Amino acid sequence: MLLRISSRKRQYLFSQPRRSKAKWLSWLIPILMVGAVCSYKQIESYFVQPDAILVLGGEEERELFAAKFSKQYPELHIWVSSGSPEWYTQKVFAKAGVPRTQLHIDHQATDTVTNFTTLVDELKAQGIDSVYLITSDDHMRRARVIGEIVFGSRGIVLKPIPVALGREPEPIEKCVRDGARALLWVATGHTGANLSQISGILER
C-alpha cells in the first residue's frame, strides 16, 4: 500500500537539508574569514620591517630580553608599557647602550588590553606603522589577539618576538575574553575592564 505524503510534510522534509546547510554555512563563513585574516597578518608580519619596539611589562625577563634584542636595531625607539619601576627599566636599557632619548616608559596600562589601547594613538602620531612586539611566550597568543585588533584598527602591524620561558600558553578563554574587550574598545572607546574583573572573580 502506497503512503501519501501531504504537501506540507513533503515541503518540511525537503526544506530540512537546506536549513542544515544554511546553518552550517553561517558558521563556516566567519571561521574562514577569521582564518584568512590571521593568515594574511602572519604573512604581513613576516615581511614587515618594524619602526619601533614595544615591550609589554609584567616580568623582568621581558625587559632584559628586549634590552639585548635592541642591540640588533640601535636606531629603533623602544616603548615599555607598565613594566618594572622606572629607575630599574632605565638602568637595564642604559646598560645595553640604549640612549635615554630612545627609551619611552609608560605606566598607564593596568592589564594586557590597556598595554595596547594606551599607546596605539601615540605610536600612530609618531608615524609608526609596525612594531616588534616583545612579551613572554605563554602570553604572546593573547597579546597578539588584542594587538591585531587594537593596533590593526590604526593600521599598525605587529611582528611578534616571544621571550622563551618554557611555560604552557595561557588558557584560550583569556584570549576570547580580552579579544572581546579589544573589539569593544574599537567600537566604543571603552576597554570593558569589568569583564576582566568578573573573570578574575570567577577564576578564584
Protein backbone atom coordinates (compact mmCIF):
# COMPACT_ATOMS: atom_id res chain seq x y z
CA MET A 1 0.00 0.00 0.00
CA LEU A 2 1.38 3.36 -1.03
CA LEU A 3 1.57 6.08 1.58
CA ARG A 4 0.56 9.54 0.53
CA ILE A 5 2.67 12.36 1.92
CA SER A 6 0.87 15.63 2.37
CA SER A 7 2.28 18.67 0.55
CA ARG A 8 3.06 20.33 3.90
CA LYS A 9 5.02 17.31 5.16
CA ARG A 10 6.81 16.96 1.82
CA GLN A 11 7.82 20.61 1.97
CA TYR A 12 9.14 20.13 5.55
CA LEU A 13 11.19 17.05 4.59
CA PHE A 14 12.83 18.77 1.63
CA SER A 15 13.46 22.01 3.48
CA GLN A 16 15.37 20.33 6.36
CA PRO A 17 18.62 19.66 4.42
CA ARG A 18 18.56 23.21 3.09
CA ARG A 19 18.17 24.63 6.60
CA SER A 20 21.00 22.46 7.91
CA LYS A 21 23.22 23.54 5.04
CA ALA A 22 22.42 27.22 5.62
CA LYS A 23 23.16 26.87 9.35
CA TRP A 24 26.45 25.12 8.57
CA LEU A 25 27.45 27.84 6.12
CA SER A 26 26.57 30.56 8.64
CA TRP A 27 29.27 29.10 10.92
CA LEU A 28 31.77 28.22 8.21
CA ILE A 29 31.96 31.63 6.50
CA PRO A 30 33.01 33.61 9.63
CA ILE A 31 35.57 30.92 10.51
CA LEU A 32 37.05 31.09 7.01
CA MET A 33 37.12 34.88 7.14
CA VAL A 34 38.93 34.91 10.50
CA GLY A 35 41.34 32.27 9.23
CA ALA A 36 42.06 34.31 6.12
CA VAL A 37 42.70 37.47 8.16
CA CYS A 38 45.02 35.61 10.54
CA SER A 39 46.92 34.05 7.65
CA TYR A 40 47.28 37.44 5.98
CA LYS A 41 48.52 39.02 9.23
CA GLN A 42 51.11 36.25 9.68
CA ILE A 43 52.41 36.74 6.14
CA GLU A 44 52.39 40.52 6.55
CA SER A 45 54.32 40.38 9.85
CA TYR A 46 56.89 38.06 8.27
CA PHE A 47 57.86 40.60 5.60
CA VAL A 48 57.49 43.84 7.57
CA GLN A 49 60.47 45.78 8.92
CA PRO A 50 59.24 47.37 12.19
CA ASP A 51 59.74 51.04 13.05
CA ALA A 52 59.87 50.54 16.85
CA ILE A 53 59.97 48.03 19.70
CA LEU A 54 57.07 47.54 22.12
CA VAL A 55 57.73 45.66 25.36
CA LEU A 56 54.78 44.52 27.47
CA GLY A 57 55.61 44.85 31.16
CA GLY A 58 54.81 42.32 33.81
CA GLU A 59 58.03 40.34 34.06
CA GLU A 60 61.65 41.39 34.42
CA GLU A 61 62.75 38.82 31.83
CA ARG A 62 60.88 40.67 29.09
CA GLU A 63 62.81 43.89 29.67
CA LEU A 64 66.16 42.11 29.98
CA PHE A 65 65.47 40.27 26.71
CA ALA A 66 64.32 43.47 24.99
CA ALA A 67 67.49 45.30 26.03
CA LYS A 68 69.65 42.60 24.41
CA PHE A 69 67.36 42.41 21.37
CA SER A 70 67.54 46.17 20.85
CA LYS A 71 71.29 45.95 20.17
CA GLN A 72 70.41 44.46 16.76
CA TYR A 73 68.39 47.58 15.91
CA PRO A 74 70.14 50.52 17.64
CA GLU A 75 68.19 53.08 15.60
CA LEU A 76 64.76 51.97 16.86
CA HIS A 77 62.90 53.68 19.68
CA ILE A 78 61.62 51.44 22.47
CA TRP A 79 58.32 51.68 24.35
CA VAL A 80 57.96 49.80 27.64
CA SER A 81 54.38 49.54 28.84
CA SER A 82 53.84 49.21 32.61
CA GLY A 83 56.90 47.18 33.48
CA SER A 84 59.37 47.45 36.33
CA PRO A 85 59.89 50.66 38.33
CA GLU A 86 61.11 53.41 36.01
CA TRP A 87 64.58 53.68 37.57
CA TYR A 88 65.17 49.95 37.06
CA THR A 89 63.95 49.97 33.46
CA GLN A 90 66.25 52.90 32.69
CA LYS A 91 69.17 51.03 34.26
CA VAL A 92 68.51 47.86 32.21
CA PHE A 93 68.41 49.70 28.88
CA ALA A 94 71.25 52.09 29.72
CA LYS A 95 73.44 49.06 30.38
CA ALA A 96 72.54 47.81 26.89
CA GLY A 97 73.62 51.15 25.41
CA VAL A 98 70.15 52.48 24.60
CA PRO A 99 70.14 56.33 24.69
CA ARG A 100 67.64 57.77 27.15
CA THR A 101 66.07 59.74 24.31
CA GLN A 102 65.13 56.47 22.56
CA LEU A 103 63.52 54.88 25.62
CA HIS A 104 59.85 55.63 26.37
CA ILE A 105 58.43 54.29 29.64
CA ASP A 106 54.66 54.39 30.06
CA HIS A 107 52.81 53.25 33.20
CA GLN A 108 49.22 53.99 32.16
CA ALA A 109 48.34 50.35 31.43
CA THR A 110 46.77 48.14 34.08
CA ASP A 111 46.46 44.94 32.04
CA THR A 112 47.22 43.49 28.60
CA VAL A 113 44.34 45.22 26.82
CA THR A 114 45.40 48.64 28.10
CA ASN A 115 49.03 47.87 27.18
CA PHE A 116 47.79 48.46 23.63
CA THR A 117 44.95 50.94 24.00
CA THR A 118 47.01 53.49 25.97
CA LEU A 119 49.81 53.62 23.39
CA VAL A 120 48.27 52.96 19.99
CA ASP A 121 47.38 56.58 19.19
CA GLU A 122 50.71 57.90 20.45
CA LEU A 123 52.59 55.46 18.25
CA LYS A 124 50.43 56.33 15.24
CA ALA A 125 51.04 60.03 15.86
CA GLN A 126 54.77 59.29 15.77
CA GLY A 127 54.32 57.83 12.27
CA ILE A 128 54.95 54.25 13.42
CA ASP A 129 53.29 51.66 11.18
CA SER A 130 54.82 48.48 12.60
CA VAL A 131 56.41 47.28 15.84
CA TYR A 132 58.37 44.37 17.26
CA LEU A 133 56.09 43.00 19.99
CA ILE A 134 58.04 41.54 22.90
CA THR A 135 56.40 39.53 25.67
CA SER A 136 56.79 36.08 27.24
CA ASP A 137 55.96 33.04 25.11
CA ASP A 138 53.00 31.92 27.23
CA HIS A 139 51.50 35.42 26.99
CA MET A 140 52.10 36.01 23.28
CA ARG A 141 48.94 34.39 21.91
CA ARG A 142 46.66 36.64 23.98
CA ALA A 143 48.82 39.69 23.30
CA ARG A 144 48.63 39.07 19.55
CA VAL A 145 44.85 38.67 19.56
CA ILE A 146 44.46 42.00 21.36
CA GLY A 147 47.21 43.73 19.40
CA GLU A 148 45.93 42.66 15.99
CA ILE A 149 42.56 44.19 16.85
CA VAL A 150 43.68 47.39 18.62
CA PHE A 151 46.80 48.19 16.60
CA GLY A 152 45.22 46.80 13.45
CA SER A 153 42.43 49.36 13.81
CA ARG A 154 45.09 52.05 13.31
CA GLY A 155 46.99 50.22 10.58
CA ILE A 156 49.92 49.21 12.80
CA VAL A 157 51.43 45.79 12.07
CA LEU A 158 52.86 43.51 14.78
CA LYS A 159 55.96 41.34 14.44
CA PRO A 160 55.95 39.00 17.47
CA ILE A 161 59.21 38.27 19.31
CA PRO A 162 58.42 35.85 22.17
CA VAL A 163 60.65 35.55 25.23
CA ALA A 164 61.13 31.81 25.77
CA LEU A 165 60.32 30.94 29.37
CA GLY A 166 59.17 27.39 28.70
CA ARG A 167 55.69 27.72 30.14
CA GLU A 168 52.35 26.48 28.82
CA PRO A 169 50.27 29.00 26.85
CA GLU A 170 47.57 30.84 28.76
CA PRO A 171 44.01 29.41 28.64
CA ILE A 172 42.16 30.16 25.42
CA GLU A 173 39.34 31.66 27.50
CA LYS A 174 41.57 34.64 28.32
CA CYS A 175 42.18 35.22 24.62
CA VAL A 176 38.45 35.18 23.90
CA ARG A 177 37.65 37.49 26.82
CA ASP A 178 40.33 40.05 26.00
CA GLY A 179 39.65 39.81 22.29
CA ALA A 180 36.07 40.82 23.07
CA ARG A 181 37.36 43.70 25.20
CA ALA A 182 39.60 44.85 22.34
CA LEU A 183 36.66 44.81 19.92
CA LEU A 184 34.61 46.77 22.45
CA TRP A 185 37.36 49.39 22.64
CA VAL A 186 37.50 49.74 18.85
CA ALA A 187 33.71 50.17 18.73
CA THR A 188 33.16 52.37 21.79
CA GLY A 189 36.48 53.57 23.20
CA HIS A 190 35.87 51.61 26.43
CA THR A 191 38.13 48.71 27.43
CA GLY A 192 35.50 46.71 29.32
CA ALA A 193 37.71 46.35 32.39
CA ASN A 194 34.72 44.98 34.31
CA LEU A 195 34.83 41.87 32.10
CA SER A 196 38.34 41.19 33.32
CA GLN A 197 37.32 41.81 36.94
CA ILE A 198 34.34 39.47 36.68
CA SER A 199 36.51 36.80 35.07
CA GLY A 200 39.04 37.18 37.88
CA ILE A 201 36.31 36.61 40.46
CA LEU A 202 35.11 33.50 38.65
CA GLU A 203 38.65 32.12 38.37
CA ARG A 204 39.08 32.36 42.16
